[in-house]
Amino acid sequence: MDKELDFLTILDAAVFAAEKHQGQVRKNKHHSPYITHPLLVARAIYEVGNIDDTRILTAAILHDTLEDTRTTEQEIADHFGEKVLSIVLEVTDDKSEEKMDRKRNQVIHAPNLSYEGKIVKLADKLINCRDILNDPPEDWPLERRRDYIQWGADVVENIRGTNSSLEAAFDQVLFEAQGRLNFKILPYESVDERPWGPNSSEFS
């Protein structure tokens, strides 16, 4: 943990991300400004995970900028340093890949993330799965919501042991989802029976 949390850097990251994500909205009913998502991820890391590392919190706020905006790697490096850039790169999907390939790669690469990358990934999955449970995209049928949460559980299974508080919060979401969406989270051992499994028969 940082001895002194650099609030100015974190605020700079929030302004930077807000400008980059300007005009983007979440897919929920109220079409919330997209910037609420990375801010919620950072808040979960600080509030739930009890982590006050400036670089992790900064990376959390910036974690979707490379993937979803025209932000360049150089911009992040220049403004926030190479370490923050490296964390953001770890959790950035390659949008040139097919969607299912991206989901599969998250499962495969999760164990190899740095500690900082795992923290951002864990908080991201916590917030996304919570949103899918409580405020999902209007056009998502029940089965898609179940699949998303199952996939999130499979990714998180590969980064367990990183932060017990964030993992407990995620497990609470899984518990609530199973009741409210009327399904059962399948064990990771059966992941290859799912389309995003590393050795799935659907992987061509």
N, C-alpha and C. Protein backbone atom coordinates (compact mmCIF):
# COMPACT_ATOMS: atom_id res chain seq x y z
N MET A 1 0.83 -1.20 0.00
CA MET A 1 0.00 0.00 0.00
C MET A 1 0.87 1.26 0.00
N ASP A 2 0.37 2.28 -0.61
CA ASP A 2 1.09 3.55 -0.60
C ASP A 2 1.04 4.15 0.80
N LYS A 3 2.15 4.75 1.24
CA LYS A 3 2.12 5.47 2.50
C LYS A 3 1.31 6.75 2.36
N GLU A 4 1.35 7.34 1.18
CA GLU A 4 0.58 8.54 0.93
C GLU A 4 -0.18 8.36 -0.39
N LEU A 5 -1.48 8.33 -0.30
CA LEU A 5 -2.30 8.18 -1.49
C LEU A 5 -2.28 9.50 -2.26
N ASP A 6 -1.96 9.41 -3.54
CA ASP A 6 -1.83 10.61 -4.38
C ASP A 6 -3.20 10.93 -4.99
N PHE A 7 -3.99 11.70 -4.26
CA PHE A 7 -5.34 12.00 -4.71
C PHE A 7 -5.34 12.82 -6.00
N LEU A 8 -4.35 13.66 -6.18
CA LEU A 8 -4.31 14.47 -7.38
C LEU A 8 -4.16 13.60 -8.62
N THR A 9 -3.29 12.60 -8.55
CA THR A 9 -3.14 11.68 -9.68
C THR A 9 -4.43 10.93 -9.97
N ILE A 10 -5.10 10.48 -8.92
CA ILE A 10 -6.36 9.75 -9.09
C ILE A 10 -7.43 10.66 -9.69
N LEU A 11 -7.49 11.90 -9.23
CA LEU A 11 -8.45 12.85 -9.81
C LEU A 11 -8.10 13.16 -11.26
N ASP A 12 -6.81 13.28 -11.55
CA ASP A 12 -6.38 13.49 -12.93
C ASP A 12 -6.82 12.33 -13.81
N ALA A 13 -6.70 11.12 -13.30
CA ALA A 13 -7.12 9.93 -14.06
C ALA A 13 -8.62 9.95 -14.30
N ALA A 14 -9.40 10.40 -13.29
CA ALA A 14 -10.85 10.46 -13.43
C ALA A 14 -11.25 11.48 -14.50
N VAL A 15 -10.58 12.62 -14.52
CA VAL A 15 -10.86 13.63 -15.54
C VAL A 15 -10.45 13.11 -16.92
N PHE A 16 -9.28 12.51 -16.99
CA PHE A 16 -8.77 11.97 -18.26
C PHE A 16 -9.75 10.93 -18.81
N ALA A 17 -10.16 9.98 -17.96
CA ALA A 17 -11.07 8.93 -18.40
C ALA A 17 -12.43 9.49 -18.78
N ALA A 18 -12.92 10.47 -18.02
CA ALA A 18 -14.22 11.07 -18.33
C ALA A 18 -14.21 11.73 -19.70
N GLU A 19 -13.11 12.38 -20.03
CA GLU A 19 -12.99 13.02 -21.34
C GLU A 19 -12.90 11.96 -22.44
N LYS A 20 -12.14 10.91 -22.20
CA LYS A 20 -11.98 9.86 -23.21
C LYS A 20 -13.28 9.09 -23.45
N HIS A 21 -14.04 8.86 -22.38
CA HIS A 21 -15.29 8.09 -22.50
C HIS A 21 -16.50 8.99 -22.78
N GLN A 22 -16.25 10.27 -23.04
CA GLN A 22 -17.35 11.20 -23.26
C GLN A 22 -18.27 10.71 -24.38
N GLY A 23 -19.56 10.73 -24.10
CA GLY A 23 -20.55 10.29 -25.09
C GLY A 23 -20.86 8.81 -25.01
N GLN A 24 -20.05 8.03 -24.32
CA GLN A 24 -20.31 6.60 -24.18
C GLN A 24 -21.23 6.36 -22.99
N VAL A 25 -22.10 5.38 -23.12
CA VAL A 25 -23.04 5.06 -22.04
C VAL A 25 -23.03 3.56 -21.79
N ARG A 26 -23.46 3.19 -20.60
CA ARG A 26 -23.64 1.79 -20.26
C ARG A 26 -24.90 1.28 -20.97
N LYS A 27 -25.04 -0.03 -21.02
CA LYS A 27 -26.17 -0.63 -21.73
C LYS A 27 -27.37 -0.86 -20.82
N ASN A 28 -27.33 -0.30 -19.62
CA ASN A 28 -28.44 -0.52 -18.70
C ASN A 28 -29.66 0.32 -19.07
N LYS A 29 -30.72 0.14 -18.31
CA LYS A 29 -32.00 0.78 -18.61
C LYS A 29 -31.88 2.30 -18.69
N HIS A 30 -31.08 2.87 -17.80
CA HIS A 30 -30.98 4.33 -17.72
C HIS A 30 -29.82 4.88 -18.55
N HIS A 31 -29.09 4.00 -19.25
CA HIS A 31 -27.96 4.43 -20.09
C HIS A 31 -27.03 5.36 -19.32
N SER A 32 -26.57 4.87 -18.19
CA SER A 32 -25.67 5.65 -17.34
C SER A 32 -24.40 6.04 -18.10
N PRO A 33 -23.84 7.20 -17.81
CA PRO A 33 -22.57 7.57 -18.44
C PRO A 33 -21.53 6.47 -18.20
N TYR A 34 -20.77 6.13 -19.21
CA TYR A 34 -19.85 5.00 -19.09
C TYR A 34 -18.84 5.20 -17.96
N ILE A 35 -18.45 6.43 -17.71
CA ILE A 35 -17.42 6.71 -16.71
C ILE A 35 -17.80 6.19 -15.34
N THR A 36 -19.10 5.98 -15.10
CA THR A 36 -19.49 5.45 -13.79
C THR A 36 -18.89 4.06 -13.56
N HIS A 37 -18.70 3.29 -14.63
CA HIS A 37 -18.17 1.94 -14.45
C HIS A 37 -16.73 1.93 -13.92
N PRO A 38 -15.77 2.55 -14.60
CA PRO A 38 -14.41 2.53 -14.04
C PRO A 38 -14.30 3.19 -12.66
N LEU A 39 -15.14 4.18 -12.41
CA LEU A 39 -15.11 4.80 -11.08
C LEU A 39 -15.62 3.82 -10.01
N LEU A 40 -16.63 3.05 -10.34
CA LEU A 40 -17.12 2.04 -9.40
C LEU A 40 -16.09 0.94 -9.17
N VAL A 41 -15.36 0.59 -10.22
CA VAL A 41 -14.30 -0.41 -10.08
C VAL A 41 -13.24 0.10 -9.11
N ALA A 42 -12.81 1.34 -9.31
CA ALA A 42 -11.81 1.92 -8.41
C ALA A 42 -12.34 2.02 -6.98
N ARG A 43 -13.59 2.40 -6.83
CA ARG A 43 -14.16 2.52 -5.48
C ARG A 43 -14.20 1.16 -4.79
N ALA A 44 -14.55 0.11 -5.54
CA ALA A 44 -14.57 -1.23 -4.95
C ALA A 44 -13.19 -1.65 -4.48
N ILE A 45 -12.17 -1.33 -5.26
CA ILE A 45 -10.80 -1.67 -4.87
C ILE A 45 -10.44 -0.97 -3.56
N TYR A 46 -10.78 0.30 -3.45
CA TYR A 46 -10.45 1.09 -2.26
C TYR A 46 -11.32 0.73 -1.07
N GLU A 47 -12.63 0.66 -1.30
CA GLU A 47 -13.58 0.52 -0.21
C GLU A 47 -13.76 -0.93 0.23
N VAL A 48 -13.90 -1.83 -0.74
CA VAL A 48 -14.12 -3.25 -0.41
C VAL A 48 -12.78 -3.97 -0.23
N GLY A 49 -11.87 -3.74 -1.16
CA GLY A 49 -10.58 -4.41 -1.11
C GLY A 49 -9.60 -3.82 -0.13
N ASN A 50 -9.91 -2.62 0.39
CA ASN A 50 -9.04 -1.92 1.35
C ASN A 50 -7.63 -1.72 0.77
N ILE A 51 -7.60 -1.33 -0.48
CA ILE A 51 -6.33 -1.10 -1.18
C ILE A 51 -6.21 0.38 -1.48
N ASP A 52 -5.11 0.99 -1.05
CA ASP A 52 -4.92 2.41 -1.30
C ASP A 52 -3.63 2.67 -2.08
N ASP A 53 -3.40 1.81 -3.05
CA ASP A 53 -2.25 1.95 -3.94
C ASP A 53 -2.63 2.87 -5.10
N THR A 54 -1.94 4.00 -5.21
CA THR A 54 -2.29 5.00 -6.23
C THR A 54 -2.26 4.42 -7.64
N ARG A 55 -1.27 3.63 -7.93
CA ARG A 55 -1.14 3.11 -9.30
C ARG A 55 -2.26 2.13 -9.64
N ILE A 56 -2.64 1.32 -8.67
CA ILE A 56 -3.75 0.38 -8.92
C ILE A 56 -5.05 1.14 -9.12
N LEU A 57 -5.32 2.11 -8.27
CA LEU A 57 -6.56 2.89 -8.39
C LEU A 57 -6.58 3.69 -9.69
N THR A 58 -5.43 4.22 -10.07
CA THR A 58 -5.35 4.97 -11.33
C THR A 58 -5.60 4.04 -12.51
N ALA A 59 -4.97 2.88 -12.50
CA ALA A 59 -5.16 1.91 -13.58
C ALA A 59 -6.61 1.46 -13.66
N ALA A 60 -7.25 1.30 -12.51
CA ALA A 60 -8.66 0.89 -12.50
C ALA A 60 -9.53 1.92 -13.21
N ILE A 61 -9.27 3.18 -12.95
CA ILE A 61 -10.05 4.24 -13.59
C ILE A 61 -9.80 4.28 -15.09
N LEU A 62 -8.60 3.91 -15.50
CA LEU A 62 -8.22 3.97 -16.92
C LEU A 62 -8.40 2.64 -17.64
N HIS A 63 -8.90 1.61 -16.96
CA HIS A 63 -8.75 0.25 -17.49
C HIS A 63 -9.46 -0.01 -18.81
N ASP A 64 -10.45 0.78 -19.17
CA ASP A 64 -11.15 0.57 -20.45
C ASP A 64 -10.77 1.60 -21.52
N THR A 65 -9.85 2.49 -21.22
CA THR A 65 -9.56 3.56 -22.18
C THR A 65 -8.89 3.05 -23.45
N LEU A 66 -7.95 2.14 -23.33
CA LEU A 66 -7.28 1.62 -24.53
C LEU A 66 -8.23 0.77 -25.35
N GLU A 67 -9.07 0.02 -24.66
CA GLU A 67 -9.97 -0.93 -25.33
C GLU A 67 -11.15 -0.25 -26.00
N ASP A 68 -11.68 0.79 -25.37
CA ASP A 68 -12.96 1.34 -25.81
C ASP A 68 -12.91 2.79 -26.30
N THR A 69 -11.74 3.41 -26.29
CA THR A 69 -11.63 4.78 -26.78
C THR A 69 -10.40 4.89 -27.68
N ARG A 70 -10.14 6.07 -28.16
CA ARG A 70 -8.99 6.27 -29.04
C ARG A 70 -7.71 6.63 -28.28
N THR A 71 -7.73 6.39 -27.00
CA THR A 71 -6.54 6.65 -26.19
C THR A 71 -5.37 5.80 -26.66
N THR A 72 -4.19 6.37 -26.67
CA THR A 72 -2.99 5.64 -27.06
C THR A 72 -2.20 5.22 -25.82
N GLU A 73 -1.38 4.20 -26.01
CA GLU A 73 -0.51 3.77 -24.92
C GLU A 73 0.42 4.90 -24.49
N GLN A 74 0.89 5.67 -25.45
CA GLN A 74 1.83 6.74 -25.13
C GLN A 74 1.17 7.80 -24.25
N GLU A 75 -0.10 8.09 -24.51
CA GLU A 75 -0.80 9.07 -23.68
C GLU A 75 -0.83 8.63 -22.22
N ILE A 76 -1.15 7.37 -21.99
CA ILE A 76 -1.20 6.88 -20.62
C ILE A 76 0.18 6.90 -19.98
N ALA A 77 1.18 6.46 -20.73
CA ALA A 77 2.55 6.47 -20.21
C ALA A 77 3.00 7.89 -19.87
N ASP A 78 2.70 8.83 -20.75
CA ASP A 78 3.12 10.21 -20.52
C ASP A 78 2.43 10.84 -19.32
N HIS A 79 1.15 10.55 -19.17
CA HIS A 79 0.38 11.18 -18.10
C HIS A 79 0.52 10.46 -16.75
N PHE A 80 0.63 9.12 -16.80
CA PHE A 80 0.52 8.37 -15.56
C PHE A 80 1.66 7.37 -15.31
N GLY A 81 2.57 7.24 -16.26
CA GLY A 81 3.73 6.39 -16.05
C GLY A 81 3.61 5.00 -16.65
N GLU A 82 4.77 4.37 -16.80
CA GLU A 82 4.84 3.06 -17.45
C GLU A 82 4.17 1.97 -16.62
N LYS A 83 4.26 2.07 -15.29
CA LYS A 83 3.66 1.03 -14.45
C LYS A 83 2.15 1.01 -14.61
N VAL A 84 1.53 2.18 -14.58
CA VAL A 84 0.08 2.24 -14.79
C VAL A 84 -0.27 1.70 -16.17
N LEU A 85 0.50 2.09 -17.18
CA LEU A 85 0.25 1.59 -18.53
C LEU A 85 0.32 0.07 -18.56
N SER A 86 1.30 -0.51 -17.89
CA SER A 86 1.45 -1.97 -17.93
C SER A 86 0.25 -2.67 -17.31
N ILE A 87 -0.32 -2.10 -16.25
CA ILE A 87 -1.51 -2.70 -15.63
C ILE A 87 -2.70 -2.61 -16.58
N VAL A 88 -2.88 -1.44 -17.19
CA VAL A 88 -3.99 -1.25 -18.13
C VAL A 88 -3.85 -2.22 -19.30
N LEU A 89 -2.64 -2.38 -19.81
CA LEU A 89 -2.43 -3.30 -20.94
C LEU A 89 -2.79 -4.74 -20.55
N GLU A 90 -2.48 -5.12 -19.33
CA GLU A 90 -2.78 -6.49 -18.88
C GLU A 90 -4.26 -6.81 -18.95
N VAL A 91 -5.10 -5.82 -18.68
CA VAL A 91 -6.54 -6.07 -18.60
C VAL A 91 -7.28 -5.56 -19.83
N THR A 92 -6.55 -5.28 -20.89
CA THR A 92 -7.15 -4.79 -22.13
C THR A 92 -7.33 -5.94 -23.12
N ASP A 93 -8.54 -6.13 -23.60
CA ASP A 93 -8.82 -7.15 -24.62
C ASP A 93 -8.37 -6.66 -25.99
N ASP A 94 -8.07 -7.60 -26.85
CA ASP A 94 -7.75 -7.31 -28.24
C ASP A 94 -9.04 -7.32 -29.03
N LYS A 95 -9.53 -6.13 -29.38
CA LYS A 95 -10.82 -6.02 -30.05
C LYS A 95 -10.80 -6.57 -31.48
N SER A 96 -9.62 -6.91 -32.00
CA SER A 96 -9.56 -7.51 -33.34
C SER A 96 -9.97 -8.98 -33.30
N GLU A 97 -10.03 -9.56 -32.10
CA GLU A 97 -10.42 -10.96 -31.95
C GLU A 97 -11.93 -11.09 -31.88
N GLU A 98 -12.42 -12.28 -32.20
CA GLU A 98 -13.84 -12.57 -32.05
C GLU A 98 -14.21 -12.52 -30.56
N LYS A 99 -15.47 -12.19 -30.29
CA LYS A 99 -15.90 -12.00 -28.91
C LYS A 99 -15.64 -13.23 -28.04
N MET A 100 -15.96 -14.42 -28.53
CA MET A 100 -15.76 -15.61 -27.73
C MET A 100 -14.29 -15.89 -27.51
N ASP A 101 -13.46 -15.54 -28.49
CA ASP A 101 -12.01 -15.70 -28.30
C ASP A 101 -11.52 -14.77 -27.19
N ARG A 102 -12.06 -13.57 -27.12
CA ARG A 102 -11.68 -12.65 -26.07
C ARG A 102 -12.09 -13.19 -24.70
N LYS A 103 -13.28 -13.75 -24.63
CA LYS A 103 -13.75 -14.32 -23.37
C LYS A 103 -12.86 -15.50 -22.96
N ARG A 104 -12.52 -16.34 -23.92
CA ARG A 104 -11.65 -17.49 -23.65
C ARG A 104 -10.27 -17.02 -23.17
N ASN A 105 -9.75 -16.01 -23.81
CA ASN A 105 -8.41 -15.54 -23.45
C ASN A 105 -8.38 -14.94 -22.04
N GLN A 106 -9.49 -14.34 -21.62
CA GLN A 106 -9.53 -13.85 -20.24
C GLN A 106 -9.41 -15.00 -19.24
N VAL A 107 -10.08 -16.10 -19.54
CA VAL A 107 -10.00 -17.28 -18.68
C VAL A 107 -8.57 -17.82 -18.67
N ILE A 108 -7.98 -17.92 -19.86
CA ILE A 108 -6.64 -18.50 -19.99
C ILE A 108 -5.57 -17.64 -19.32
N HIS A 109 -5.64 -16.33 -19.54
CA HIS A 109 -4.56 -15.45 -19.10
C HIS A 109 -4.70 -14.95 -17.66
N ALA A 110 -5.88 -15.13 -17.06
CA ALA A 110 -6.10 -14.62 -15.70
C ALA A 110 -5.03 -15.06 -14.70
N PRO A 111 -4.62 -16.34 -14.68
CA PRO A 111 -3.63 -16.74 -13.67
C PRO A 111 -2.28 -16.06 -13.84
N ASN A 112 -1.98 -15.56 -15.04
CA ASN A 112 -0.68 -14.98 -15.32
C ASN A 112 -0.61 -13.47 -15.11
N LEU A 113 -1.74 -12.87 -14.70
CA LEU A 113 -1.74 -11.44 -14.45
C LEU A 113 -0.86 -11.12 -13.24
N SER A 114 -0.32 -9.91 -13.23
CA SER A 114 0.38 -9.44 -12.04
C SER A 114 -0.61 -9.27 -10.90
N TYR A 115 -0.11 -9.09 -9.69
CA TYR A 115 -1.00 -8.82 -8.55
C TYR A 115 -1.91 -7.64 -8.86
N GLU A 116 -1.32 -6.55 -9.37
CA GLU A 116 -2.10 -5.35 -9.67
C GLU A 116 -3.16 -5.63 -10.72
N GLY A 117 -2.79 -6.39 -11.75
CA GLY A 117 -3.74 -6.74 -12.80
C GLY A 117 -4.87 -7.59 -12.27
N LYS A 118 -4.55 -8.51 -11.37
CA LYS A 118 -5.59 -9.36 -10.78
C LYS A 118 -6.57 -8.54 -9.95
N ILE A 119 -6.07 -7.57 -9.23
CA ILE A 119 -6.95 -6.73 -8.42
C ILE A 119 -7.93 -5.98 -9.32
N VAL A 120 -7.43 -5.36 -10.39
CA VAL A 120 -8.32 -4.64 -11.31
C VAL A 120 -9.30 -5.59 -11.97
N LYS A 121 -8.82 -6.75 -12.40
CA LYS A 121 -9.70 -7.74 -13.03
C LYS A 121 -10.79 -8.20 -12.07
N LEU A 122 -10.41 -8.48 -10.84
CA LEU A 122 -11.37 -8.95 -9.84
C LEU A 122 -12.44 -7.91 -9.57
N ALA A 123 -12.03 -6.67 -9.38
CA ALA A 123 -13.01 -5.61 -9.12
C ALA A 123 -13.89 -5.35 -10.34
N ASP A 124 -13.32 -5.45 -11.52
CA ASP A 124 -14.08 -5.27 -12.76
C ASP A 124 -15.16 -6.34 -12.87
N LYS A 125 -14.80 -7.58 -12.58
CA LYS A 125 -15.79 -8.66 -12.65
C LYS A 125 -16.85 -8.49 -11.56
N LEU A 126 -16.46 -8.04 -10.40
CA LEU A 126 -17.43 -7.78 -9.34
C LEU A 126 -18.47 -6.76 -9.78
N ILE A 127 -18.02 -5.64 -10.31
CA ILE A 127 -18.94 -4.58 -10.70
C ILE A 127 -19.78 -5.00 -11.91
N ASN A 128 -19.16 -5.63 -12.89
CA ASN A 128 -19.92 -6.04 -14.08
C ASN A 128 -20.99 -7.08 -13.73
N CYS A 129 -20.62 -8.08 -12.94
CA CYS A 129 -21.61 -9.11 -12.60
C CYS A 129 -22.71 -8.54 -11.72
N ARG A 130 -22.35 -7.62 -10.83
CA ARG A 130 -23.37 -6.96 -10.02
C ARG A 130 -24.34 -6.17 -10.91
N ASP A 131 -23.79 -5.50 -11.92
CA ASP A 131 -24.65 -4.75 -12.84
C ASP A 131 -25.55 -5.68 -13.65
N ILE A 132 -25.00 -6.80 -14.11
CA ILE A 132 -25.80 -7.75 -14.89
C ILE A 132 -26.94 -8.31 -14.04
N LEU A 133 -26.69 -8.46 -12.75
CA LEU A 133 -27.73 -8.95 -11.85
C LEU A 133 -28.77 -7.88 -11.56
N ASN A 134 -28.32 -6.67 -11.24
CA ASN A 134 -29.23 -5.64 -10.73
C ASN A 134 -29.74 -4.65 -11.77
N ASP A 135 -28.96 -4.42 -12.81
CA ASP A 135 -29.32 -3.38 -13.78
C ASP A 135 -28.84 -3.79 -15.17
N PRO A 136 -29.36 -4.89 -15.71
CA PRO A 136 -28.82 -5.45 -16.94
C PRO A 136 -29.24 -4.66 -18.18
N PRO A 137 -28.54 -4.90 -19.29
CA PRO A 137 -29.00 -4.34 -20.57
C PRO A 137 -30.43 -4.78 -20.83
N GLU A 138 -31.23 -3.88 -21.35
CA GLU A 138 -32.66 -4.16 -21.52
C GLU A 138 -32.93 -5.32 -22.47
N ASP A 139 -32.04 -5.51 -23.44
CA ASP A 139 -32.29 -6.53 -24.46
C ASP A 139 -31.63 -7.87 -24.15
N TRP A 140 -31.08 -8.03 -22.95
CA TRP A 140 -30.43 -9.29 -22.61
C TRP A 140 -31.45 -10.29 -22.05
N PRO A 141 -31.61 -11.44 -22.69
CA PRO A 141 -32.50 -12.47 -22.13
C PRO A 141 -31.86 -13.11 -20.90
N LEU A 142 -32.65 -13.86 -20.17
CA LEU A 142 -32.19 -14.48 -18.93
C LEU A 142 -30.95 -15.34 -19.14
N GLU A 143 -30.95 -16.13 -20.20
CA GLU A 143 -29.84 -17.06 -20.42
C GLU A 143 -28.53 -16.31 -20.65
N ARG A 144 -28.59 -15.19 -21.32
CA ARG A 144 -27.36 -14.41 -21.54
C ARG A 144 -26.81 -13.86 -20.23
N ARG A 145 -27.68 -13.44 -19.35
CA ARG A 145 -27.25 -12.95 -18.04
C ARG A 145 -26.61 -14.08 -17.24
N ARG A 146 -27.23 -15.25 -17.27
CA ARG A 146 -26.65 -16.39 -16.58
C ARG A 146 -25.27 -16.74 -17.13
N ASP A 147 -25.14 -16.76 -18.46
CA ASP A 147 -23.86 -17.09 -19.09
C ASP A 147 -22.79 -16.08 -18.71
N TYR A 148 -23.15 -14.81 -18.67
CA TYR A 148 -22.16 -13.79 -18.34
C TYR A 148 -21.64 -13.99 -16.92
N ILE A 149 -22.53 -14.25 -16.00
CA ILE A 149 -22.12 -14.42 -14.60
C ILE A 149 -21.32 -15.71 -14.44
N GLN A 150 -21.70 -16.76 -15.15
CA GLN A 150 -20.91 -18.00 -15.12
C GLN A 150 -19.50 -17.75 -15.66
N TRP A 151 -19.41 -17.02 -16.76
CA TRP A 151 -18.09 -16.69 -17.32
C TRP A 151 -17.28 -15.87 -16.32
N GLY A 152 -17.92 -14.89 -15.69
CA GLY A 152 -17.22 -14.10 -14.67
C GLY A 152 -16.69 -14.99 -13.55
N ALA A 153 -17.50 -15.96 -13.13
CA ALA A 153 -17.07 -16.88 -12.08
C ALA A 153 -15.86 -17.70 -12.53
N ASP A 154 -15.85 -18.10 -13.80
CA ASP A 154 -14.73 -18.89 -14.32
C ASP A 154 -13.44 -18.07 -14.36
N VAL A 155 -13.55 -16.80 -14.73
CA VAL A 155 -12.36 -15.93 -14.74
C VAL A 155 -11.85 -15.73 -13.31
N VAL A 156 -12.76 -15.40 -12.41
CA VAL A 156 -12.37 -15.12 -11.02
C VAL A 156 -11.77 -16.36 -10.36
N GLU A 157 -12.24 -17.53 -10.72
CA GLU A 157 -11.68 -18.75 -10.12
C GLU A 157 -10.18 -18.84 -10.35
N ASN A 158 -9.71 -18.28 -11.45
CA ASN A 158 -8.29 -18.35 -11.78
C ASN A 158 -7.46 -17.26 -11.12
N ILE A 159 -8.10 -16.36 -10.37
CA ILE A 159 -7.33 -15.33 -9.67
C ILE A 159 -7.65 -15.30 -8.18
N ARG A 160 -8.25 -16.37 -7.68
CA ARG A 160 -8.55 -16.43 -6.26
C ARG A 160 -7.26 -16.46 -5.44
N GLY A 161 -7.36 -15.95 -4.23
CA GLY A 161 -6.20 -15.82 -3.38
C GLY A 161 -5.53 -14.47 -3.51
N THR A 162 -6.18 -13.56 -4.25
CA THR A 162 -5.62 -12.23 -4.48
C THR A 162 -6.06 -11.23 -3.42
N ASN A 163 -7.36 -11.20 -3.14
CA ASN A 163 -7.90 -10.28 -2.14
C ASN A 163 -9.19 -10.88 -1.58
N SER A 164 -9.15 -11.32 -0.35
CA SER A 164 -10.28 -12.06 0.22
C SER A 164 -11.55 -11.22 0.31
N SER A 165 -11.42 -9.94 0.54
CA SER A 165 -12.61 -9.09 0.67
C SER A 165 -13.33 -8.91 -0.66
N LEU A 166 -12.57 -8.65 -1.72
CA LEU A 166 -13.17 -8.54 -3.05
C LEU A 166 -13.76 -9.87 -3.48
N GLU A 167 -13.08 -10.96 -3.16
CA GLU A 167 -13.59 -12.28 -3.53
C GLU A 167 -14.87 -12.61 -2.77
N ALA A 168 -14.94 -12.22 -1.51
CA ALA A 168 -16.17 -12.45 -0.73
C ALA A 168 -17.33 -11.64 -1.30
N ALA A 169 -17.05 -10.41 -1.71
CA ALA A 169 -18.10 -9.58 -2.31
C ALA A 169 -18.57 -10.20 -3.63
N PHE A 170 -17.62 -10.71 -4.40
CA PHE A 170 -17.99 -11.38 -5.66
C PHE A 170 -18.82 -12.63 -5.37
N ASP A 171 -18.43 -13.41 -4.38
CA ASP A 171 -19.18 -14.61 -4.03
C ASP A 171 -20.60 -14.28 -3.58
N GLN A 172 -20.77 -13.15 -2.93
CA GLN A 172 -22.12 -12.73 -2.54
C GLN A 172 -22.98 -12.44 -3.76
N VAL A 173 -22.37 -11.83 -4.78
CA VAL A 173 -23.09 -11.60 -6.04
C VAL A 173 -23.49 -12.93 -6.67
N LEU A 174 -22.57 -13.90 -6.67
CA LEU A 174 -22.88 -15.22 -7.22
C LEU A 174 -24.03 -15.86 -6.46
N PHE A 175 -24.01 -15.75 -5.15
CA PHE A 175 -25.07 -16.33 -4.33
C PHE A 175 -26.42 -15.70 -4.68
N GLU A 176 -26.45 -14.39 -4.76
CA GLU A 176 -27.69 -13.70 -5.08
C GLU A 176 -28.15 -14.02 -6.50
N ALA A 177 -27.20 -14.11 -7.42
CA ALA A 177 -27.55 -14.38 -8.82
C ALA A 177 -28.19 -15.76 -8.97
N GLN A 178 -27.67 -16.73 -8.26
CA GLN A 178 -28.22 -18.08 -8.37
C GLN A 178 -29.67 -18.13 -7.91
N GLY A 179 -29.98 -17.36 -6.89
CA GLY A 179 -31.36 -17.33 -6.41
C GLY A 179 -32.28 -16.54 -7.32
N ARG A 180 -31.84 -15.35 -7.69
CA ARG A 180 -32.72 -14.45 -8.45
C ARG A 180 -32.82 -14.83 -9.93
N LEU A 181 -31.78 -15.43 -10.47
CA LEU A 181 -31.82 -15.84 -11.89
C LEU A 181 -32.10 -17.33 -12.04
N ASN A 182 -32.30 -17.99 -10.90
CA ASN A 182 -32.74 -19.39 -10.88
C ASN A 182 -31.80 -20.31 -11.69
N PHE A 183 -30.54 -20.31 -11.32
CA PHE A 183 -29.58 -21.21 -11.96
C PHE A 183 -28.48 -21.53 -10.96
N LYS A 184 -27.59 -22.45 -11.33
CA LYS A 184 -26.51 -22.86 -10.45
C LYS A 184 -25.18 -22.60 -11.13
N ILE A 185 -24.28 -21.96 -10.42
CA ILE A 185 -22.93 -21.76 -10.94
C ILE A 185 -22.24 -23.11 -11.01
N LEU A 186 -21.73 -23.43 -12.18
CA LEU A 186 -21.06 -24.71 -12.39
C LEU A 186 -19.61 -24.61 -11.94
N PRO A 187 -19.04 -25.72 -11.46
CA PRO A 187 -17.65 -25.69 -11.00
C PRO A 187 -16.67 -25.46 -12.14
N TYR A 188 -15.53 -24.86 -11.80
CA TYR A 188 -14.53 -24.56 -12.82
C TYR A 188 -14.06 -25.83 -13.53
N GLU A 189 -14.11 -26.95 -12.83
CA GLU A 189 -13.64 -28.21 -13.42
C GLU A 189 -14.37 -28.55 -14.72
N SER A 190 -15.56 -28.01 -14.90
CA SER A 190 -16.33 -28.29 -16.12
C SER A 190 -16.23 -27.16 -17.14
N VAL A 191 -15.25 -26.26 -16.97
CA VAL A 191 -15.16 -25.07 -17.83
C VAL A 191 -15.04 -25.43 -19.31
N ASP A 192 -14.40 -26.54 -19.64
CA ASP A 192 -14.23 -26.89 -21.05
C ASP A 192 -15.51 -27.36 -21.70
N GLU A 193 -16.57 -27.53 -20.92
CA GLU A 193 -17.89 -27.82 -21.47
C GLU A 193 -18.61 -26.55 -21.89
N ARG A 194 -17.99 -25.41 -21.59
CA ARG A 194 -18.57 -24.13 -21.96
C ARG A 194 -17.79 -23.53 -23.13
N PRO A 195 -18.43 -22.69 -23.95
CA PRO A 195 -17.77 -22.22 -25.19
C PRO A 195 -16.51 -21.42 -24.96
N TRP A 196 -16.34 -20.83 -23.77
CA TRP A 196 -15.13 -20.05 -23.48
C TRP A 196 -14.06 -20.89 -22.78
N GLY A 197 -14.29 -22.18 -22.63
CA GLY A 197 -13.31 -23.04 -21.97
C GLY A 197 -12.00 -23.11 -22.76
N PRO A 198 -10.86 -23.12 -22.09
CA PRO A 198 -9.56 -23.16 -22.79
C PRO A 198 -9.43 -24.32 -23.76
N ASN A 199 -10.07 -25.45 -23.44
CA ASN A 199 -9.99 -26.63 -24.31
C ASN A 199 -11.37 -27.05 -24.80
N SER A 200 -12.25 -26.06 -24.93
CA SER A 200 -13.62 -26.35 -25.35
C SER A 200 -13.64 -26.97 -26.75
N SER A 201 -14.57 -27.91 -26.92
CA SER A 201 -14.72 -28.53 -28.24
C SER A 201 -15.21 -27.54 -29.27
N GLU A 202 -15.77 -26.39 -28.78
CA GLU A 202 -16.24 -25.35 -29.69
C GLU A 202 -15.10 -24.44 -30.13
N PHE A 203 -13.92 -24.62 -29.54
CA PHE A 203 -12.76 -23.79 -29.88
C PHE A 203 -12.14 -24.34 -31.15
N SER A 204 -12.19 -23.54 -32.21
CA SER A 204 -11.65 -24.01 -33.49
C SER A 204 -10.46 -23.17 -33.89
